[in-house]
N, C-alpha and C. Protein backbone atom coordinates (compact mmCIF):
# COMPACT_ATOMS: atom_id res chain seq x y z
N MET A 1 3.16 9.91 -9.57
CA MET A 1 2.90 8.62 -9.93
C MET A 1 2.90 6.90 -9.85
N ILE A 2 3.34 6.36 -9.03
CA ILE A 2 4.04 5.27 -9.74
C ILE A 2 3.01 4.24 -10.82
N ASP A 3 2.14 3.71 -11.87
CA ASP A 3 1.37 3.98 -12.15
C ASP A 3 1.79 1.96 -12.20
N THR A 4 0.92 2.00 -10.50
CA THR A 4 0.73 -0.13 -10.30
C THR A 4 0.25 -0.66 -12.02
N ASN A 5 -0.82 -0.67 -12.71
CA ASN A 5 -0.29 -1.33 -14.19
C ASN A 5 0.23 -2.01 -15.06
N LEU A 6 1.72 -1.32 -15.06
CA LEU A 6 2.69 -1.79 -15.29
C LEU A 6 3.03 -2.68 -14.96
N PHE A 7 3.23 -3.14 -13.31
CA PHE A 7 4.11 -3.70 -12.55
C PHE A 7 3.57 -5.00 -12.88
N PHE A 8 2.28 -5.43 -12.65
CA PHE A 8 1.57 -7.08 -12.23
C PHE A 8 1.50 -7.69 -12.96
N LYS A 9 2.22 -9.28 -13.39
CA LYS A 9 0.96 -9.84 -13.31
C LYS A 9 -0.89 -9.13 -12.73
N ARG A 10 -1.89 -9.85 -13.45
CA ARG A 10 -3.21 -10.33 -12.72
C ARG A 10 -3.74 -11.20 -13.28
N LYS A 11 -4.95 -11.42 -12.08
CA LYS A 11 -4.96 -12.91 -12.13
C LYS A 11 -6.83 -12.53 -13.59
N GLN A 12 -7.21 -13.17 -13.86
CA GLN A 12 -7.87 -13.66 -14.21
C GLN A 12 -9.19 -12.25 -14.31
N SER A 13 -9.55 -12.21 -13.20
CA SER A 13 -10.96 -11.36 -12.64
C SER A 13 -9.95 -9.43 -12.05
N GLY A 14 -9.04 -10.57 -12.65
CA GLY A 14 -7.65 -8.76 -12.77
C GLY A 14 -7.26 -7.81 -11.47
N VAL A 15 -7.73 -8.84 -10.73
CA VAL A 15 -6.59 -8.96 -9.09
C VAL A 15 -5.10 -9.04 -9.38
N PRO A 16 -4.10 -7.64 -8.87
CA PRO A 16 -2.61 -9.18 -9.10
C PRO A 16 -2.46 -9.63 -9.22
N ILE A 17 -1.65 -9.91 -8.77
CA ILE A 17 -0.65 -11.05 -8.42
C ILE A 17 1.07 -10.69 -7.76
N LEU A 18 1.26 -10.59 -6.33
CA LEU A 18 2.38 -10.18 -5.73
C LEU A 18 3.21 -10.50 -5.14
N SER A 19 4.02 -10.79 -5.42
CA SER A 19 5.69 -11.84 -3.74
C SER A 19 5.47 -10.49 -3.73
N TRP A 20 5.79 -11.35 -1.71
CA TRP A 20 6.31 -9.91 -0.93
C TRP A 20 7.41 -9.63 -1.26
N GLU A 21 8.26 -10.48 -2.80
CA GLU A 21 9.72 -8.92 -2.84
C GLU A 21 8.71 -7.59 -4.08
N GLN A 22 8.00 -8.13 -4.19
CA GLN A 22 6.54 -6.81 -5.29
C GLN A 22 6.25 -6.35 -4.04
N VAL A 23 5.56 -6.59 -3.37
CA VAL A 23 5.29 -5.59 -2.64
C VAL A 23 6.67 -4.68 -1.80
N ASP A 24 7.77 -4.99 -1.73
CA ASP A 24 8.32 -4.35 -0.96
C ASP A 24 8.94 -3.28 -2.07
N LYS A 25 9.59 -3.67 -2.96
CA LYS A 25 10.34 -3.34 -4.35
C LYS A 25 8.69 -1.67 -4.14
N LEU A 26 7.07 -1.95 -4.01
CA LEU A 26 6.96 -1.18 -5.16
C LEU A 26 7.25 -0.54 -3.69
N SER A 27 6.79 -0.71 -2.46
CA SER A 27 6.18 0.45 -1.07
C SER A 27 7.68 1.29 -1.96
N GLU A 28 8.75 0.79 -1.23
CA GLU A 28 10.51 1.81 -2.04
C GLU A 28 10.26 2.45 -2.67
N ALA A 29 9.57 2.47 -4.01
CA ALA A 29 9.53 3.53 -5.12
C ALA A 29 8.51 4.31 -4.56
N ILE A 30 7.19 3.93 -4.04
CA ILE A 30 6.73 4.85 -3.56
C ILE A 30 6.87 6.30 -2.52
N ILE A 31 7.72 4.93 -1.21
CA ILE A 31 8.54 5.88 -0.49
C ILE A 31 9.43 7.59 -0.70
N LYS A 32 10.33 6.57 -2.00
CA LYS A 32 11.22 6.88 -2.10
C LYS A 32 10.29 8.75 -3.30
N GLU A 33 9.49 8.19 -4.34
CA GLU A 33 8.70 9.40 -5.14
C GLU A 33 8.01 10.45 -3.89
N PHE A 34 7.55 9.66 -2.01
CA PHE A 34 6.64 10.84 -1.87
C PHE A 34 7.14 11.34 -0.45
N CYS A 35 8.16 10.64 0.06
CA CYS A 35 9.14 11.81 1.27
C CYS A 35 10.59 10.77 0.92
N PRO A 36 11.23 10.74 -0.14
CA PRO A 36 12.57 10.67 -0.40
C PRO A 36 13.91 10.79 1.08
N GLN A 37 12.72 11.29 1.85
CA GLN A 37 14.63 11.78 3.18
C GLN A 37 14.08 10.33 3.59
N ALA A 38 13.07 10.33 3.63
CA ALA A 38 13.00 8.26 4.66
C ALA A 38 13.54 7.96 4.21
N ILE A 39 14.15 7.48 2.86
CA ILE A 39 14.80 5.98 2.43
C ILE A 39 15.84 6.48 3.00
N GLU A 40 16.36 8.33 3.09
CA GLU A 40 17.51 8.33 3.87
C GLU A 40 17.75 7.73 5.65
N THR A 41 17.39 8.20 6.01
CA THR A 41 17.07 9.33 6.81
C THR A 41 15.61 7.95 7.83
N PRO A 42 15.28 6.99 8.30
CA PRO A 42 14.28 5.83 8.63
C PRO A 42 13.22 6.61 9.81
N GLN A 43 12.68 7.61 9.41
CA GLN A 43 10.87 7.77 9.93
C GLN A 43 9.97 7.94 10.01
N ALA A 44 8.94 7.99 10.68
CA ALA A 44 7.55 7.80 10.72
C ALA A 44 7.09 8.58 9.14
N ILE A 45 6.20 7.51 9.12
CA ILE A 45 5.32 8.60 7.17
C ILE A 45 4.59 8.73 8.04
N ASN A 46 3.60 10.01 6.64
CA ASN A 46 2.53 10.58 7.46
C ASN A 46 1.20 9.89 6.10
N VAL A 47 0.59 8.64 7.08
CA VAL A 47 -0.01 7.83 5.87
C VAL A 47 -0.88 8.96 5.47
N GLU A 48 -1.57 9.28 6.55
CA GLU A 48 -2.68 10.76 6.21
C GLU A 48 -2.54 11.10 4.91
N GLY A 49 -1.17 11.52 4.92
CA GLY A 49 -1.49 12.27 3.89
C GLY A 49 -0.89 11.18 2.84
N LEU A 50 0.36 9.96 3.25
CA LEU A 50 -0.06 9.90 1.32
C LEU A 50 -1.03 8.28 0.97
N VAL A 51 -2.21 8.66 2.10
CA VAL A 51 -3.19 7.65 1.17
C VAL A 51 -3.74 9.02 0.29
N GLU A 52 -3.85 10.18 1.24
CA GLU A 52 -5.00 11.72 0.32
C GLU A 52 -4.11 12.53 -0.07
N GLN A 53 -3.09 12.67 -0.80
CA GLN A 53 -2.15 13.72 -1.44
C GLN A 53 -1.95 12.66 -2.49
N TYR A 54 -1.21 11.38 -1.70
CA TYR A 54 0.00 10.74 -3.19
C TYR A 54 -1.33 10.23 -4.00
N LEU A 55 -1.87 9.13 -3.36
CA LEU A 55 -2.85 8.21 -3.54
C LEU A 55 -4.08 8.83 -4.57
N HIS A 56 -4.22 9.65 -3.50
CA HIS A 56 -6.46 10.74 -4.00
C HIS A 56 -7.22 9.95 -3.78
N SER A 57 -7.94 9.35 -2.09
CA SER A 57 -8.45 7.81 -1.10
C SER A 57 -7.77 8.26 -0.67
N GLU A 58 -9.60 8.37 0.44
CA GLU A 58 -10.24 8.49 1.03
C GLU A 58 -9.51 7.07 2.09
N GLN A 59 -9.32 7.68 3.93
CA GLN A 59 -8.51 6.50 4.89
C GLN A 59 -10.41 6.20 5.13
N GLU A 60 -10.70 4.85 5.75
CA GLU A 60 -12.09 5.09 6.45
C GLU A 60 -11.81 3.90 7.55
N TYR A 61 -12.27 3.82 8.94
CA TYR A 61 -11.44 2.83 10.18
C TYR A 61 -12.54 1.35 9.75
N GLN A 62 -12.44 0.91 9.81
CA GLN A 62 -13.84 -0.53 10.63
C GLN A 62 -12.47 -1.64 11.02
N TYR A 63 -13.06 -1.93 11.94
CA TYR A 63 -13.09 -3.38 13.00
C TYR A 63 -12.88 -4.06 11.83
N LEU A 64 -11.27 -5.61 11.93
CA LEU A 64 -11.87 -5.92 11.29
C LEU A 64 -11.99 -7.49 11.70
N SER A 65 -11.83 -7.71 13.11
CA SER A 65 -12.57 -8.83 13.84
C SER A 65 -13.26 -8.77 14.45
N ASN A 66 -13.18 -9.32 15.64
CA ASN A 66 -13.34 -9.30 16.66
C ASN A 66 -11.91 -9.60 17.78
N ASN A 67 -12.42 -9.90 17.43
CA ASN A 67 -10.69 -10.68 18.68
C ASN A 67 -9.60 -9.76 18.00
N GLY A 68 -9.01 -9.13 16.93
CA GLY A 68 -7.38 -8.45 16.80
C GLY A 68 -7.31 -9.32 16.63
N LEU A 69 -7.30 -9.95 15.80
CA LEU A 69 -6.28 -10.85 15.19
C LEU A 69 -5.93 -10.03 13.35
N TYR A 70 -6.75 -9.23 13.44
CA TYR A 70 -6.30 -7.68 11.79
C TYR A 70 -5.47 -7.04 12.21
N LEU A 71 -4.45 -6.98 11.96
CA LEU A 71 -4.18 -5.65 12.07
C LEU A 71 -4.84 -4.11 11.55
N GLY A 72 -4.45 -4.21 9.94
CA GLY A 72 -4.63 -3.73 8.94
C GLY A 72 -5.19 -3.91 7.51
N ASN A 73 -6.15 -3.38 7.27
CA ASN A 73 -5.99 -4.15 5.81
C ASN A 73 -6.01 -2.67 4.66
N ASN A 74 -5.92 -3.49 3.51
CA ASN A 74 -5.48 -2.18 2.33
C ASN A 74 -5.63 -2.78 1.51
N ILE A 75 -6.86 -1.32 1.32
CA ILE A 75 -7.59 -2.19 -0.65
C ILE A 75 -7.20 -0.54 -1.60
N ARG A 76 -7.02 -1.16 -2.51
CA ARG A 76 -7.00 -0.43 -3.34
C ARG A 76 -6.68 -0.30 -4.72
N HIS A 77 -7.69 -0.68 -5.24
CA HIS A 77 -8.28 -0.67 -7.35
C HIS A 77 -7.79 -1.63 -7.16
N GLY A 78 -8.77 -2.80 -6.00
CA GLY A 78 -8.51 -3.88 -6.36
C GLY A 78 -6.76 -5.14 -5.79
N LEU A 79 -6.07 -4.55 -4.80
CA LEU A 79 -5.15 -4.95 -4.48
C LEU A 79 -5.66 -5.03 -3.16
N ILE A 80 -5.32 -6.07 -1.88
CA ILE A 80 -5.51 -6.10 -1.29
C ILE A 80 -4.32 -7.00 -0.20
N LEU A 81 -4.01 -6.40 1.04
CA LEU A 81 -3.22 -6.73 1.85
C LEU A 81 -3.66 -6.42 2.89
N LEU A 82 -3.25 -7.58 4.09
CA LEU A 82 -3.24 -7.63 4.82
C LEU A 82 -2.68 -8.37 5.46
N HIS A 83 -2.63 -7.47 7.45
CA HIS A 83 -1.65 -7.21 8.39
C HIS A 83 -2.01 -7.72 9.76
N ARG A 84 -1.34 -8.47 9.62
CA ARG A 84 -2.05 -9.21 11.41
C ARG A 84 -1.03 -9.17 12.08
């Protein structure tokens, strides 16, 4: 599994600071390790499997807003990504 603690500068609070380029590179590295065939042949990724088996985390579903503004939110060890 990719060790994300090695890659990023952090705020004083410990939250990683990532550029979109770093997010892309990290995403590609994770996909190469979790589902390498998806790099050569674009395909859907089993998100539940990625979260539960690869990241050893649990998924939780919640409404993020009452008007549907946010499509998703990922939180993992202090790293937060909002999807609009």
